């Protein structure tokens, strides 16, 4: 799809039906659509198309890393709007995972789009400051050595030390996902193209130190504007802690919450069958 002077890669699963398609917004920024391919069966199960794409700056889309100022919420909202126009998506369900949920919230609150049947906010956030505090609470349960390495990196601004990299890996395995193995599904093993500049520009060096242009993202007090039915999903061991999720649920006018026991940030990858069953039920109940 043309997007200004760039190109956005999109992928459609399933046949067009009378039911609203599900548009999926990946995380990161810069994480690519790859992991959403784990949900391909949902198209047949729910009788609708799934539409996923690589946001500008990663994957099979253009990566204008020499223009990092483009890596901001406004650009990615415009890209979503362009995709809807290009594919004539008048009525859709919208699912945002992690950063993708932030994108969905910004889109719904600031642009008041029409034709959104429902929104699914999966392991995401409405407040960057609360997110950072909750990540540091997770860090407080780590080993003293890992805590010290992270504290030193944040104090110095130097995130290159081996001790910090090891500590950050420990943190991510605990609360995001484990490194893929030969037994992992192919979409998780597939090499992710680009995305590093987008992530560092928009968010920061890691999950718990937001220094990028999204550092002042605070939408909890704006969630009352989201009149669309919302499903909030997270895991008990998730970067999106139960407090982060409950903060959104309490502020949304029409929300339901599903907490997956034992799941980390990639809930849909760890408990795929249950996740798909939940989405099938939710989508069917909100198609009208």
Protein backbone atom coordinates (compact mmCIF):
# COMPACT_ATOMS: atom_id res chain seq x y z
CA UNK A 1 0.00 0.00 0.00
CA UNK A 2 1.36 3.45 -0.81
CA UNK A 3 1.76 5.64 2.26
CA UNK A 4 3.05 9.04 1.23
CA UNK A 5 6.39 8.39 -0.44
CA UNK A 6 6.70 5.05 1.35
CA UNK A 7 5.13 1.60 1.22
CA UNK A 8 3.21 -0.27 3.92
CA UNK A 9 3.04 -4.05 3.75
CA UNK A 10 -0.27 -5.63 4.71
CA UNK A 11 -1.50 -9.20 4.88
CA UNK A 12 -5.09 -10.45 4.71
CA UNK A 13 -6.16 -13.86 6.00
CA UNK A 14 -9.51 -15.39 5.05
CA UNK A 15 -12.28 -14.58 2.62
CA UNK A 16 -14.31 -11.39 2.68
CA UNK A 17 -17.66 -11.89 4.44
CA UNK A 18 -20.43 -9.68 5.71
CA UNK A 19 -18.82 -9.65 9.16
CA UNK A 20 -16.50 -6.80 10.13
CA UNK A 21 -12.84 -7.78 9.69
CA UNK A 22 -10.39 -7.72 12.59
CA UNK A 23 -7.52 -5.27 12.08
CA UNK A 24 -4.46 -6.07 14.18
CA UNK A 25 -1.98 -3.46 15.40
CA UNK A 26 1.38 -4.90 16.43
CA UNK A 27 3.53 -3.75 19.30
CA UNK A 28 6.96 -2.23 19.62
CA UNK A 29 6.96 0.17 18.00
CA UNK A 30 8.81 -1.93 15.47
CA UNK A 31 7.81 -5.47 16.41
CA UNK A 32 6.32 -6.39 12.96
CA UNK A 33 3.16 -8.36 12.23
CA UNK A 34 4.98 -11.73 12.36
CA UNK A 35 3.63 -12.97 15.68
CA UNK A 36 0.03 -12.24 14.67
CA UNK A 37 0.28 -15.09 12.17
CA UNK A 38 -0.27 -17.37 15.17
CA UNK A 39 -3.88 -16.17 15.04
CA UNK A 40 -4.51 -17.11 11.39
CA UNK A 41 -6.98 -19.85 12.35
CA UNK A 42 -9.17 -17.18 13.91
CA UNK A 43 -10.26 -16.10 10.42
CA UNK A 44 -11.99 -19.41 9.73
CA UNK A 45 -13.13 -19.85 13.33
CA UNK A 46 -14.83 -16.46 13.44
CA UNK A 47 -15.91 -16.27 9.79
CA UNK A 48 -14.15 -13.00 9.02
CA UNK A 49 -10.97 -11.60 7.56
CA UNK A 50 -7.93 -10.78 9.65
CA UNK A 51 -5.90 -7.82 8.43
CA UNK A 52 -2.41 -7.27 9.78
CA UNK A 53 0.39 -5.02 8.60
CA UNK A 54 3.93 -3.86 9.34
CA UNK A 55 3.89 -0.30 10.60
CA UNK A 56 6.28 2.16 8.98
CA UNK A 57 9.81 1.49 10.22
CA UNK A 58 9.80 -2.28 10.41
CA UNK A 59 9.24 -5.59 8.68
CA UNK A 60 8.33 -5.54 5.00
CA UNK A 61 7.26 -1.90 5.08
CA UNK A 62 9.54 1.05 4.31
CA UNK A 63 12.12 1.87 6.96
CA UNK A 64 13.10 5.55 6.69
CA UNK A 65 15.54 5.30 9.58
CA UNK A 66 17.30 8.41 8.28
CA UNK A 67 14.13 10.34 9.17
CA UNK A 68 13.48 9.26 12.77
CA UNK A 69 11.12 12.19 13.28
CA UNK A 70 8.56 10.15 11.33
CA UNK A 71 8.50 7.53 14.07
CA UNK A 72 5.74 9.05 16.18
CA UNK A 73 2.11 8.41 17.01
CA UNK A 74 0.80 10.89 14.45
CA UNK A 75 2.53 9.06 11.59
CA UNK A 76 1.28 5.65 12.67
CA UNK A 77 -2.31 6.91 13.14
CA UNK A 78 -2.22 8.39 9.65
CA UNK A 79 -0.96 5.06 8.36
CA UNK A 80 -3.87 3.22 10.01
CA UNK A 81 -6.30 5.71 8.51
CA UNK A 82 -4.67 5.27 5.10
CA UNK A 83 -5.01 1.49 5.39
CA UNK A 84 -8.71 1.77 6.16
CA UNK A 85 -9.20 4.05 3.17
CA UNK A 86 -7.10 1.89 0.84
CA UNK A 87 -8.92 -1.33 1.73
CA UNK A 88 -12.35 0.33 2.12
CA UNK A 89 -12.67 -0.82 5.71
CA UNK A 90 -15.86 0.97 6.69
CA UNK A 91 -16.60 -1.15 9.76
CA UNK A 92 -13.96 -3.10 11.69
CA UNK A 93 -12.98 -4.61 14.99
CA UNK A 94 -9.62 -3.28 16.17
CA UNK A 95 -7.04 -5.21 18.21
CA UNK A 96 -3.93 -3.54 19.55
CA UNK A 97 -1.20 -5.47 21.34
CA UNK A 98 1.25 -3.58 23.59
CA UNK A 99 2.22 -0.42 21.65
CA UNK A 100 -0.54 -1.35 19.20
CA UNK A 101 -3.05 -0.85 22.00
CA UNK A 102 -1.61 2.60 22.67
CA UNK A 103 -2.05 3.35 18.98
CA UNK A 104 -5.67 2.18 19.15
CA UNK A 105 -6.32 4.35 22.22
CA UNK A 106 -4.78 7.43 20.59
CA UNK A 107 -6.82 6.79 17.43
CA UNK A 108 -10.10 6.38 19.32
CA UNK A 109 -9.61 9.28 21.72
CA UNK A 110 -8.03 11.90 19.49
CA UNK A 111 -9.58 11.10 16.10
CA UNK A 112 -13.03 9.74 17.05
CA UNK A 113 -13.20 7.39 14.05
CA UNK A 114 -16.45 5.93 12.79
CA UNK A 115 -17.11 2.29 12.09
CA UNK A 116 -15.33 0.66 15.05
CA UNK A 117 -17.46 -2.28 16.19
CA UNK A 118 -15.23 -3.01 19.18
CA UNK A 119 -11.67 -2.64 20.40
CA UNK A 120 -9.48 -5.29 22.00
CA UNK A 121 -6.69 -3.89 24.17
CA UNK A 122 -4.21 -6.72 24.63
CA UNK A 123 -1.33 -6.32 27.10
CA UNK A 124 -1.26 -2.56 26.64
CA UNK A 125 -1.39 0.65 28.66
CA UNK A 126 -3.06 4.01 29.07
CA UNK A 127 -0.25 5.67 31.04
CA UNK A 128 3.49 5.63 30.34
CA UNK A 129 4.29 6.77 33.88
CA UNK A 130 2.22 4.02 35.50
CA UNK A 131 3.76 1.47 33.13
CA UNK A 132 7.27 2.56 34.13
CA UNK A 133 6.42 2.38 37.83
CA UNK A 134 4.98 -1.10 37.45
CA UNK A 135 8.05 -2.32 35.54
CA UNK A 136 10.25 -1.05 38.33
CA UNK A 137 8.06 -2.92 40.80
CA UNK A 138 8.74 -6.08 38.78
CA UNK A 139 12.44 -5.21 38.83
CA UNK A 140 12.35 -5.03 42.65
CA UNK A 141 11.76 -8.81 42.69
CA UNK A 142 14.90 -9.52 40.66
CA UNK A 143 18.30 -10.44 42.06
CA UNK A 144 20.32 -7.66 43.76
CA UNK A 145 22.91 -7.89 40.96
CA UNK A 146 20.32 -7.44 38.22
CA UNK A 147 18.68 -4.58 40.09
CA UNK A 148 22.04 -2.84 40.50
CA UNK A 149 22.91 -3.24 36.82
CA UNK A 150 19.60 -1.76 35.71
CA UNK A 151 19.85 1.07 38.23
CA UNK A 152 23.37 1.93 37.05
CA UNK A 153 22.33 1.94 33.39
CA UNK A 154 19.39 4.26 34.07
CA UNK A 155 21.56 6.56 36.18
CA UNK A 156 24.39 6.80 33.65
CA UNK A 157 22.39 6.56 30.46
CA UNK A 158 24.79 3.87 29.27
CA UNK A 159 22.89 0.76 28.26
CA UNK A 160 25.83 -1.08 26.73
CA UNK A 161 27.31 -2.82 29.80
CA UNK A 162 27.23 -6.61 29.76
CA UNK A 163 25.72 -6.75 33.25
CA UNK A 164 22.84 -4.52 32.15
CA UNK A 165 22.21 -6.54 28.98
CA UNK A 166 22.09 -9.73 31.04
CA UNK A 167 19.74 -8.16 33.58
CA UNK A 168 17.45 -6.84 30.87
CA UNK A 169 17.34 -10.27 29.25
CA UNK A 170 16.36 -11.79 32.60
CA UNK A 171 13.61 -9.19 32.95
CA UNK A 172 12.23 -9.80 29.46
CA UNK A 173 12.19 -13.57 29.88
CA UNK A 174 10.27 -13.19 33.13
CA UNK A 175 7.66 -10.77 31.84
CA UNK A 176 7.73 -10.54 28.02
CA UNK A 177 8.67 -13.85 26.40
CA UNK A 178 11.39 -16.45 26.24
CA UNK A 179 13.83 -16.58 23.37
CA UNK A 180 12.41 -18.71 20.51
CA UNK A 181 13.74 -22.23 20.17
CA UNK A 182 13.73 -24.72 17.31
CA UNK A 183 10.39 -25.95 18.64
CA UNK A 184 8.78 -22.50 18.54
CA UNK A 185 6.22 -21.70 15.82
CA UNK A 186 7.83 -20.34 12.66
CA UNK A 187 6.41 -16.80 13.01
CA UNK A 188 8.21 -16.47 16.34
CA UNK A 189 11.49 -17.85 14.92
CA UNK A 190 11.38 -15.69 11.79
CA UNK A 191 13.96 -12.92 11.64
CA UNK A 192 12.41 -9.57 12.45
CA UNK A 193 13.46 -6.94 9.94
CA UNK A 194 14.33 -3.54 11.36
CA UNK A 195 12.32 -1.75 14.01
CA UNK A 196 15.16 -0.83 16.37
CA UNK A 197 15.26 2.84 15.38
CA UNK A 198 11.48 3.12 15.59
CA UNK A 199 11.46 1.57 19.07
CA UNK A 200 14.28 3.66 20.49
CA UNK A 201 12.96 6.88 18.94
CA UNK A 202 9.38 6.47 20.09
CA UNK A 203 9.77 4.56 23.36
CA UNK A 204 13.34 4.22 24.62
CA UNK A 205 16.14 1.76 25.42
CA UNK A 206 13.94 -0.80 27.18
CA UNK A 207 10.44 -1.42 28.52
CA UNK A 208 10.93 0.37 31.85
CA UNK A 209 12.75 3.57 30.81
CA UNK A 210 10.50 5.52 28.44
CA UNK A 211 12.67 8.31 27.04
CA UNK A 212 11.28 8.63 23.51
CA UNK A 213 8.52 10.78 22.09
CA UNK A 214 5.87 8.60 23.75
CA UNK A 215 7.24 9.23 27.23
CA UNK A 216 4.44 11.70 28.00
CA UNK A 217 1.70 9.36 26.79
CA UNK A 218 -1.06 9.75 29.40
CA UNK A 219 -4.53 8.71 28.24
CA UNK A 220 -6.23 7.29 31.33
CA UNK A 221 -8.25 10.48 31.83
CA UNK A 222 -9.26 10.45 28.16
CA UNK A 223 -10.63 6.91 28.09
CA UNK A 224 -14.14 8.13 28.89
CA UNK A 225 -14.25 9.22 25.24
CA UNK A 226 -14.06 5.59 24.06
CA UNK A 227 -17.72 4.69 23.63
CA UNK A 228 -16.79 1.54 21.72
CA UNK A 229 -17.11 -1.76 23.64
CA UNK A 230 -13.64 -2.70 24.87
CA UNK A 231 -12.06 -5.99 25.89
CA UNK A 232 -8.91 -5.68 28.01
CA UNK A 233 -6.60 -8.73 28.06
CA UNK A 234 -3.41 -9.33 30.00
CA UNK A 235 -1.49 -11.97 31.93
CA UNK A 236 -0.62 -12.27 35.61
CA UNK A 237 3.12 -12.12 34.80
CA UNK A 238 2.74 -9.58 32.01
CA UNK A 239 4.53 -6.28 31.50
CA UNK A 240 0.92 -5.12 31.50
CA UNK A 241 0.36 -5.85 35.16
CA UNK A 242 -3.13 -6.34 36.61
CA UNK A 243 -2.94 -2.76 37.97
CA UNK A 244 -2.19 -1.39 34.50
CA UNK A 245 -5.09 -3.39 33.06
CA UNK A 246 -7.54 -2.48 35.85
CA UNK A 247 -6.68 1.19 35.44
CA UNK A 248 -7.95 0.99 31.86
CA UNK A 249 -10.98 -1.11 32.71
CA UNK A 250 -12.06 1.33 35.44
CA UNK A 251 -11.74 4.33 33.10
CA UNK A 252 -13.45 2.84 30.03
CA UNK A 253 -17.24 3.31 29.85
CA UNK A 254 -17.97 -0.17 28.44
CA UNK A 255 -15.19 -2.64 29.20
CA UNK A 256 -14.66 -6.29 30.08
CA UNK A 257 -11.42 -7.76 31.42
CA UNK A 258 -9.85 -11.18 30.91
CA UNK A 259 -6.78 -12.01 33.01
CA UNK A 260 -4.78 -15.05 31.85
CA UNK A 261 -3.18 -16.91 34.76
CA UNK A 262 0.54 -17.56 34.32
CA UNK A 263 0.84 -15.62 31.06
CA UNK A 264 3.46 -13.06 30.16
CA UNK A 265 3.30 -10.26 27.56
CA UNK A 266 2.69 -12.60 24.62
CA UNK A 267 -0.58 -13.98 25.98
CA UNK A 268 -1.80 -14.99 22.52
CA UNK A 269 1.41 -16.98 21.91
CA UNK A 270 1.42 -18.75 25.27
CA UNK A 271 -2.29 -19.58 25.48
CA UNK A 272 -3.30 -19.42 21.83
CA UNK A 273 -6.33 -21.72 21.92
CA UNK A 274 -7.92 -19.96 24.88
CA UNK A 275 -7.09 -16.54 23.40
CA UNK A 276 -8.69 -17.41 20.05
CA UNK A 277 -11.78 -18.84 21.76
CA UNK A 278 -12.15 -15.64 23.78
CA UNK A 279 -11.80 -13.49 20.66
CA UNK A 280 -14.34 -15.58 18.74
CA UNK A 281 -16.90 -15.10 21.49
CA UNK A 282 -16.17 -11.40 21.85
CA UNK A 283 -16.28 -10.63 18.12
CA UNK A 284 -19.52 -12.54 17.59
CA UNK A 285 -21.14 -10.68 20.47
CA UNK A 286 -20.16 -7.29 19.05
CA UNK A 287 -20.63 -7.68 15.30
CA UNK A 288 -23.96 -5.88 15.21
